[in-house]
């Protein structure tokens, strides 16, 4: 008699567990599919490499004779 009662309780518990799993799967099926298809935002922000190039003006070759004398204050005028 004990065996029949134990088997009945075990079977009822097993069927309850299987029913709960099936019910939860049916209830949350769409949410599970959406979670599997979700693409998370990357943690590392994109790095942009910016290169600034300036075309420098080539200075003509210096001559030994200057047409005007160089004053000390004229350096700051540039």
PDB file of N, CA and C in Angstrom:
ATOM      1  N   UNK A   1       0.823  -1.199   0.000  1.00  0.00           N
ATOM      2  CA  UNK A   1       0.000   0.000   0.000  1.00  0.00           C
ATOM      3  C   UNK A   1       0.865   1.260   0.000  1.00  0.00           C
ATOM      4  N   UNK A   2       1.965   1.212   0.793  1.00  0.00           N
ATOM      5  CA  UNK A   2       2.860   2.367   0.850  1.00  0.00           C
ATOM      6  C   UNK A   2       3.468   2.640  -0.519  1.00  0.00           C
ATOM      7  N   UNK A   3       3.768   1.573  -1.251  1.00  0.00           N
ATOM      8  CA  UNK A   3       4.379   1.724  -2.570  1.00  0.00           C
ATOM      9  C   UNK A   3       3.432   2.421  -3.534  1.00  0.00           C
ATOM     10  N   UNK A   4       2.173   2.095  -3.469  1.00  0.00           N
ATOM     11  CA  UNK A   4       1.185   2.710  -4.362  1.00  0.00           C
ATOM     12  C   UNK A   4       1.022   4.192  -4.032  1.00  0.00           C
ATOM     13  N   UNK A   5       0.966   4.525  -2.767  1.00  0.00           N
ATOM     14  CA  UNK A   5       0.836   5.935  -2.357  1.00  0.00           C
ATOM     15  C   UNK A   5       2.083   6.716  -2.761  1.00  0.00           C
ATOM     16  N   UNK A   6       3.268   6.142  -2.534  1.00  0.00           N
ATOM     17  CA  UNK A   6       4.513   6.824  -2.887  1.00  0.00           C
ATOM     18  C   UNK A   6       4.610   7.022  -4.396  1.00  0.00           C
ATOM     19  N   UNK A   7       4.232   6.010  -5.169  1.00  0.00           N
ATOM     20  CA  UNK A   7       4.275   6.130  -6.626  1.00  0.00           C
ATOM     21  C   UNK A   7       3.285   7.172  -7.120  1.00  0.00           C
ATOM     22  N   UNK A   8       2.119   7.226  -6.487  1.00  0.00           N
ATOM     23  CA  UNK A   8       1.116   8.220  -6.872  1.00  0.00           C
ATOM     24  C   UNK A   8       1.605   9.636  -6.579  1.00  0.00           C
ATOM     25  N   UNK A   9       2.169   9.840  -5.403  1.00  0.00           N
ATOM     26  CA  UNK A   9       2.688  11.170  -5.042  1.00  0.00           C
ATOM     27  C   UNK A   9       3.850  11.557  -5.964  1.00  0.00           C
ATOM     28  N   UNK A  10       4.748  10.596  -6.223  1.00  0.00           N
ATOM     29  CA  UNK A  10       5.874  10.869  -7.111  1.00  0.00           C
ATOM     30  C   UNK A  10       5.385  11.212  -8.516  1.00  0.00           C
ATOM     31  N   UNK A  11       4.418  10.459  -9.022  1.00  0.00           N
ATOM     32  CA  UNK A  11       3.882  10.713 -10.365  1.00  0.00           C
ATOM     33  C   UNK A  11       3.186  12.065 -10.430  1.00  0.00           C
ATOM     34  N   UNK A  12       2.426  12.388  -9.382  1.00  0.00           N
ATOM     35  CA  UNK A  12       1.740  13.681  -9.356  1.00  0.00           C
ATOM     36  C   UNK A  12       2.749  14.831  -9.326  1.00  0.00           C
ATOM     37  N   UNK A  13       3.799  14.685  -8.534  1.00  0.00           N
ATOM     38  CA  UNK A  13       4.825  15.729  -8.474  1.00  0.00           C
ATOM     39  C   UNK A  13       5.551  15.854  -9.812  1.00  0.00           C
ATOM     40  N   UNK A  14       5.844  14.716 -10.435  1.00  0.00           N
ATOM     41  CA  UNK A  14       6.523  14.739 -11.726  1.00  0.00           C
ATOM     42  C   UNK A  14       5.646  15.398 -12.788  1.00  0.00           C
ATOM     43  N   UNK A  15       4.361  15.042 -12.820  1.00  0.00           N
ATOM     44  CA  UNK A  15       3.448  15.650 -13.790  1.00  0.00           C
ATOM     45  C   UNK A  15       3.262  17.143 -13.525  1.00  0.00           C
ATOM     46  N   UNK A  16       3.246  17.534 -12.259  1.00  0.00           N
ATOM     47  CA  UNK A  16       3.144  18.958 -11.928  1.00  0.00           C
ATOM     48  C   UNK A  16       4.383  19.717 -12.417  1.00  0.00           C
ATOM     49  N   UNK A  17       5.553  19.123 -12.239  1.00  0.00           N
ATOM     50  CA  UNK A  17       6.786  19.770 -12.694  1.00  0.00           C
ATOM     51  C   UNK A  17       6.818  19.881 -14.217  1.00  0.00           C
ATOM     52  N   UNK A  18       6.457  18.806 -14.908  1.00  0.00           N
ATOM     53  CA  UNK A  18       6.437  18.841 -16.373  1.00  0.00           C
ATOM     54  C   UNK A  18       5.402  19.842 -16.869  1.00  0.00           C
ATOM     55  N   UNK A  19       4.243  19.860 -16.247  1.00  0.00           N
ATOM     56  CA  UNK A  19       3.212  20.825 -16.632  1.00  0.00           C
ATOM     57  C   UNK A  19       3.660  22.260 -16.422  1.00  0.00           C
ATOM     58  N   UNK A  20       4.365  22.517 -15.319  1.00  0.00           N
ATOM     59  CA  UNK A  20       4.866  23.866 -15.057  1.00  0.00           C
ATOM     60  C   UNK A  20       5.893  24.277 -16.108  1.00  0.00           C
ATOM     61  N   UNK A  21       6.779  23.364 -16.469  1.00  0.00           N
ATOM     62  CA  UNK A  21       7.794  23.677 -17.481  1.00  0.00           C
ATOM     63  C   UNK A  21       7.136  23.964 -18.830  1.00  0.00           C
ATOM     64  N   UNK A  22       6.178  23.132 -19.217  1.00  0.00           N
ATOM     65  CA  UNK A  22       5.489  23.340 -20.497  1.00  0.00           C
ATOM     66  C   UNK A  22       4.701  24.643 -20.472  1.00  0.00           C
ATOM     67  N   UNK A  23       4.027  24.927 -19.369  1.00  0.00           N
ATOM     68  CA  UNK A  23       3.243  26.162 -19.248  1.00  0.00           C
ATOM     69  C   UNK A  23       4.147  27.395 -19.319  1.00  0.00           C
ATOM     70  N   UNK A  24       5.293  27.364 -18.626  1.00  0.00           N
ATOM     71  CA  UNK A  24       6.211  28.504 -18.659  1.00  0.00           C
ATOM     72  C   UNK A  24       6.805  28.680 -20.056  1.00  0.00           C
ATOM     73  N   UNK A  25       7.123  27.570 -20.726  1.00  0.00           N
ATOM     74  CA  UNK A  25       7.659  27.668 -22.079  1.00  0.00           C
ATOM     75  C   UNK A  25       6.623  28.270 -23.023  1.00  0.00           C
ATOM     76  N   UNK A  26       5.364  27.847 -22.898  1.00  0.00           N
ATOM     77  CA  UNK A  26       4.312  28.385 -23.763  1.00  0.00           C
ATOM     78  C   UNK A  26       4.046  29.857 -23.458  1.00  0.00           C
ATOM     79  N   UNK A  27       4.144  30.232 -22.188  1.00  0.00           N
ATOM     80  CA  UNK A  27       3.848  31.606 -21.801  1.00  0.00           C
ATOM     81  C   UNK A  27       4.958  32.567 -22.223  1.00  0.00           C
ATOM     82  N   UNK A  28       6.219  32.155 -22.099  1.00  0.00           N
ATOM     83  CA  UNK A  28       7.351  33.044 -22.348  1.00  0.00           C
ATOM     84  C   UNK A  28       8.103  32.711 -23.634  1.00  0.00           C
ATOM     85  N   UNK A  29       7.464  32.013 -24.549  1.00  0.00           N
ATOM     86  CA  UNK A  29       8.135  31.611 -25.784  1.00  0.00           C
ATOM     87  C   UNK A  29       8.601  32.823 -26.591  1.00  0.00           C
ATOM     88  N   UNK A  30       7.746  33.824 -26.755  1.00  0.00           N
ATOM     89  CA  UNK A  30       8.106  35.000 -27.547  1.00  0.00           C
ATOM     90  C   UNK A  30       9.224  35.802 -26.884  1.00  0.00           C
ATOM     91  N   UNK A  31       9.195  35.910 -25.567  1.00  0.00           N
ATOM     92  CA  UNK A  31      10.247  36.657 -24.872  1.00  0.00           C
ATOM     93  C   UNK A  31      11.591  35.939 -24.957  1.00  0.00           C
ATOM     94  N   UNK A  32      11.572  34.616 -24.918  1.00  0.00           N
ATOM     95  CA  UNK A  32      12.828  33.868 -25.042  1.00  0.00           C
ATOM     96  C   UNK A  32      13.407  34.024 -26.444  1.00  0.00           C
ATOM     97  N   UNK A  33      12.554  33.990 -27.461  1.00  0.00           N
ATOM     98  CA  UNK A  33      13.038  34.166 -28.831  1.00  0.00           C
ATOM     99  C   UNK A  33      13.593  35.572 -29.027  1.00  0.00           C
ATOM    100  N   UNK A  34      12.927  36.580 -28.454  1.00  0.00           N
ATOM    101  CA  UNK A  34      13.423  37.952 -28.573  1.00  0.00           C
ATOM    102  C   UNK A  34      14.753  38.119 -27.851  1.00  0.00           C
ATOM    103  N   UNK A  35      14.915  37.471 -26.712  1.00  0.00           N
ATOM    104  CA  UNK A  35      16.178  37.575 -25.975  1.00  0.00           C
ATOM    105  C   UNK A  35      17.315  36.896 -26.731  1.00  0.00           C
ATOM    106  N   UNK A  36      17.022  35.815 -27.436  1.00  0.00           N
ATOM    107  CA  UNK A  36      18.064  35.134 -28.201  1.00  0.00           C
ATOM    108  C   UNK A  36      18.465  35.916 -29.444  1.00  0.00           C
ATOM    109  N   UNK A  37      17.540  36.685 -30.006  1.00  0.00           N
ATOM    110  CA  UNK A  37      17.837  37.457 -31.210  1.00  0.00           C
ATOM    111  C   UNK A  37      18.352  38.856 -30.909  1.00  0.00           C
ATOM    112  N   UNK A  38      18.398  39.248 -29.649  1.00  0.00           N
ATOM    113  CA  UNK A  38      18.817  40.598 -29.269  1.00  0.00           C
ATOM    114  C   UNK A  38      20.315  40.753 -29.459  1.00  0.00           C
ATOM    115  N   UNK A  39      20.725  41.866 -30.079  1.00  0.00           N
ATOM    116  CA  UNK A  39      22.142  42.177 -30.236  1.00  0.00           C
ATOM    117  C   UNK A  39      22.486  43.292 -29.257  1.00  0.00           C
ATOM    118  N   UNK A  40      23.296  43.008 -28.270  1.00  0.00           N
ATOM    119  CA  UNK A  40      23.598  44.029 -27.265  1.00  0.00           C
ATOM    120  C   UNK A  40      24.451  45.156 -27.827  1.00  0.00           C
ATOM    121  N   UNK A  41      24.380  46.287 -27.150  1.00  0.00           N
ATOM    122  CA  UNK A  41      25.181  47.447 -27.528  1.00  0.00           C
ATOM    123  C   UNK A  41      26.628  47.161 -27.142  1.00  0.00           C
ATOM    124  N   UNK A  42      27.578  47.390 -28.045  1.00  0.00           N
ATOM    125  CA  UNK A  42      28.974  47.109 -27.693  1.00  0.00           C
ATOM    126  C   UNK A  42      29.453  47.988 -26.543  1.00  0.00           C
ATOM    127  N   UNK A  43      30.263  47.404 -25.663  1.00  0.00           N
ATOM    128  CA  UNK A  43      30.756  48.131 -24.494  1.00  0.00           C
ATOM    129  C   UNK A  43      31.832  49.140 -24.865  1.00  0.00           C
ATOM    130  N   UNK A  44      32.642  48.829 -25.870  1.00  0.00           N
ATOM    131  CA  UNK A  44      33.711  49.736 -26.272  1.00  0.00           C
ATOM    132  C   UNK A  44      33.179  50.706 -27.324  1.00  0.00           C
ATOM    133  N   UNK A  45      33.240  52.006 -27.059  1.00  0.00           N
ATOM    134  CA  UNK A  45      32.763  52.958 -28.064  1.00  0.00           C
ATOM    135  C   UNK A  45      33.692  52.936 -29.281  1.00  0.00           C
ATOM    136  N   UNK A  46      33.172  53.252 -30.455  1.00  0.00           N
ATOM    137  CA  UNK A  46      34.029  53.246 -31.640  1.00  0.00           C
ATOM    138  C   UNK A  46      35.102  54.327 -31.539  1.00  0.00           C
ATOM    139  N   UNK A  47      36.279  54.010 -32.030  1.00  0.00           N
ATOM    140  CA  UNK A  47      37.405  54.945 -31.991  1.00  0.00           C
ATOM    141  C   UNK A  47      37.596  55.493 -33.396  1.00  0.00           C
ATOM    142  N   UNK A  48      37.578  56.793 -33.506  1.00  0.00           N
ATOM    143  CA  UNK A  48      37.777  57.447 -34.785  1.00  0.00           C
ATOM    144  C   UNK A  48      39.200  57.978 -34.844  1.00  0.00           C
ATOM    145  N   UNK A  49      39.933  57.585 -35.864  1.00  0.00           N
ATOM    146  CA  UNK A  49      41.295  58.062 -36.052  1.00  0.00           C
ATOM    147  C   UNK A  49      41.246  59.248 -37.011  1.00  0.00           C
ATOM    148  N   UNK A  50      41.608  60.413 -36.515  1.00  0.00           N
ATOM    149  CA  UNK A  50      41.580  61.629 -37.318  1.00  0.00           C
ATOM    150  C   UNK A  50      43.017  62.055 -37.574  1.00  0.00           C
ATOM    151  N   UNK A  51      43.336  62.271 -38.826  1.00  0.00           N
ATOM    152  CA  UNK A  51      44.668  62.730 -39.192  1.00  0.00           C
ATOM    153  C   UNK A  51      44.531  64.110 -39.818  1.00  0.00           C
ATOM    154  N   UNK A  52      45.210  65.071 -39.251  1.00  0.00           N
ATOM    155  CA  UNK A  52      45.190  66.432 -39.764  1.00  0.00           C
ATOM    156  C   UNK A  52      46.518  66.677 -40.465  1.00  0.00           C
ATOM    157  N   UNK A  53      46.439  67.014 -41.732  1.00  0.00           N
ATOM    158  CA  UNK A  53      47.658  67.331 -42.479  1.00  0.00           C
ATOM    159  C   UNK A  53      47.563  68.774 -42.948  1.00  0.00           C
ATOM    160  N   UNK A  54      48.655  69.467 -42.836  1.00  0.00           N
ATOM    161  CA  UNK A  54      48.721  70.857 -43.289  1.00  0.00           C
ATOM    162  C   UNK A  54      49.819  70.953 -44.336  1.00  0.00           C
ATOM    163  N   UNK A  55      49.492  71.579 -45.418  1.00  0.00           N
ATOM    164  CA  UNK A  55      50.509  71.827 -46.430  1.00  0.00           C
ATOM    165  C   UNK A  55      51.317  73.037 -45.983  1.00  0.00           C
ATOM    166  N   UNK A  56      52.561  72.827 -45.727  1.00  0.00           N
ATOM    167  CA  UNK A  56      53.415  73.909 -45.245  1.00  0.00           C
ATOM    168  C   UNK A  56      53.975  74.684 -46.431  1.00  0.00           C
ATOM    169  N   UNK A  57      54.066  75.990 -46.204  1.00  0.00           N
ATOM    170  CA  UNK A  57      54.591  76.870 -47.243  1.00  0.00           C
ATOM    171  C   UNK A  57      56.105  76.742 -47.241  1.00  0.00           C
ATOM    172  N   UNK A  58      56.644  76.473 -48.421  1.00  0.00           N
ATOM    173  CA  UNK A  58      58.100  76.369 -48.525  1.00  0.00           C
ATOM    174  C   UNK A  58      58.689  77.767 -48.618  1.00  0.00           C
ATOM    175  N   UNK A  59      59.674  77.998 -47.787  1.00  0.00           N
ATOM    176  CA  UNK A  59      60.336  79.301 -47.804  1.00  0.00           C
ATOM    177  C   UNK A  59      61.442  79.279 -48.850  1.00  0.00           C
ATOM    178  N   UNK A  60      61.532  80.359 -49.592  1.00  0.00           N
ATOM    179  CA  UNK A  60      62.629  80.409 -50.580  1.00  0.00           C
ATOM    180  C   UNK A  60      63.975  80.451 -49.864  1.00  0.00           C
ATOM    181  N   UNK A  61      65.016  80.045 -50.559  1.00  0.00           N
ATOM    182  CA  UNK A  61      66.343  80.038 -49.955  1.00  0.00           C
ATOM    183  C   UNK A  61      66.760  81.434 -49.507  1.00  0.00           C
ATOM    184  N   UNK A  62      67.361  81.531 -48.352  1.00  0.00           N
ATOM    185  CA  UNK A  62      67.755  82.838 -47.816  1.00  0.00           C
ATOM    186  C   UNK A  62      68.968  83.367 -48.582  1.00  0.00           C
ATOM    187  N   UNK A  63      68.937  84.654 -48.773  1.00  0.00           N
ATOM    188  CA  UNK A  63      70.077  85.311 -49.429  1.00  0.00           C
ATOM    189  C   UNK A  63      70.965  85.929 -48.366  1.00  0.00           C
ATOM    190  N   UNK A  64      72.181  86.195 -48.704  1.00  0.00           N
ATOM    191  CA  UNK A  64      73.117  86.755 -47.726  1.00  0.00           C
ATOM    192  C   UNK A  64      72.898  88.239 -47.512  1.00  0.00           C
ATOM    193  N   UNK A  65      72.324  88.931 -48.475  1.00  0.00           N
ATOM    194  CA  UNK A  65      72.081  90.362 -48.312  1.00  0.00           C
ATOM    195  C   UNK A  65      70.597  90.582 -48.113  1.00  0.00           C
ATOM    196  N   UNK A  66      70.243  91.379 -47.135  1.00  0.00           N
ATOM    197  CA  UNK A  66      68.844  91.691 -46.859  1.00  0.00           C
ATOM    198  C   UNK A  66      68.571  93.100 -47.335  1.00  0.00           C
ATOM    199  N   UNK A  67      67.383  93.320 -47.864  1.00  0.00           N
ATOM    200  CA  UNK A  67      67.050  94.637 -48.389  1.00  0.00           C
ATOM    201  C   UNK A  67      66.743  95.621 -47.275  1.00  0.00           C
ATOM    202  N   UNK A  68      66.226  95.148 -46.138  1.00  0.00           N
ATOM    203  CA  UNK A  68      65.909  96.037 -45.021  1.00  0.00           C
ATOM    204  C   UNK A  68      66.554  95.463 -43.774  1.00  0.00           C
ATOM    205  N   UNK A  69      66.966  96.318 -42.860  1.00  0.00           N
ATOM    206  CA  UNK A  69      67.556  95.808 -41.624  1.00  0.00           C
ATOM    207  C   UNK A  69      66.484  95.145 -40.749  1.00  0.00           C
ATOM    208  N   UNK A  70      66.861  94.126 -40.054  1.00  0.00           N
ATOM    209  CA  UNK A  70      65.939  93.397 -39.188  1.00  0.00           C
ATOM    210  C   UNK A  70      65.969  94.041 -37.818  1.00  0.00           C
ATOM    211  N   UNK A  71      64.775  94.452 -37.331  1.00  0.00           N
ATOM    212  CA  UNK A  71      64.670  95.057 -36.012  1.00  0.00           C
ATOM    213  C   UNK A  71      64.276  93.982 -35.006  1.00  0.00           C
ATOM    214  N   UNK A  72      64.707  94.109 -33.756  1.00  0.00           N
ATOM    215  CA  UNK A  72      64.372  93.072 -32.774  1.00  0.00           C
ATOM    216  C   UNK A  72      62.871  92.931 -32.516  1.00  0.00           C
ATOM    217  N   UNK A  73      62.090  93.985 -32.599  1.00  0.00           N
ATOM    218  CA  UNK A  73      60.650  93.907 -32.331  1.00  0.00           C
ATOM    219  C   UNK A  73      59.855  93.321 -33.473  1.00  0.00           C
ATOM    220  N   UNK A  74      60.449  93.189 -34.640  1.00  0.00           N
ATOM    221  CA  UNK A  74      59.695  92.689 -35.789  1.00  0.00           C
ATOM    222  C   UNK A  74      59.437  91.185 -35.706  1.00  0.00           C
ATOM    223  N   UNK A  75      60.085  90.506 -34.801  1.00  0.00           N
ATOM    224  CA  UNK A  75      59.854  89.069 -34.652  1.00  0.00           C
ATOM    225  C   UNK A  75      58.452  88.818 -34.111  1.00  0.00           C
ATOM    226  N   UNK A  76      57.981  89.695 -33.228  1.00  0.00           N
ATOM    227  CA  UNK A  76      56.654  89.525 -32.636  1.00  0.00           C
ATOM    228  C   UNK A  76      55.534  89.951 -33.574  1.00  0.00           C
ATOM    229  N   UNK A  77      55.850  90.673 -34.633  1.00  0.00           N
ATOM    230  CA  UNK A  77      54.815  91.156 -35.544  1.00  0.00           C
ATOM    231  C   UNK A  77      54.275  90.040 -36.427  1.00  0.00           C
ATOM    232  N   UNK A  78      54.982  88.975 -36.548  1.00  0.00           N
ATOM    233  CA  UNK A  78      54.523  87.894 -37.430  1.00  0.00           C
ATOM    234  C   UNK A  78      53.433  87.205 -36.798  1.00  0.00           C
TER     235      UNK A  78
END
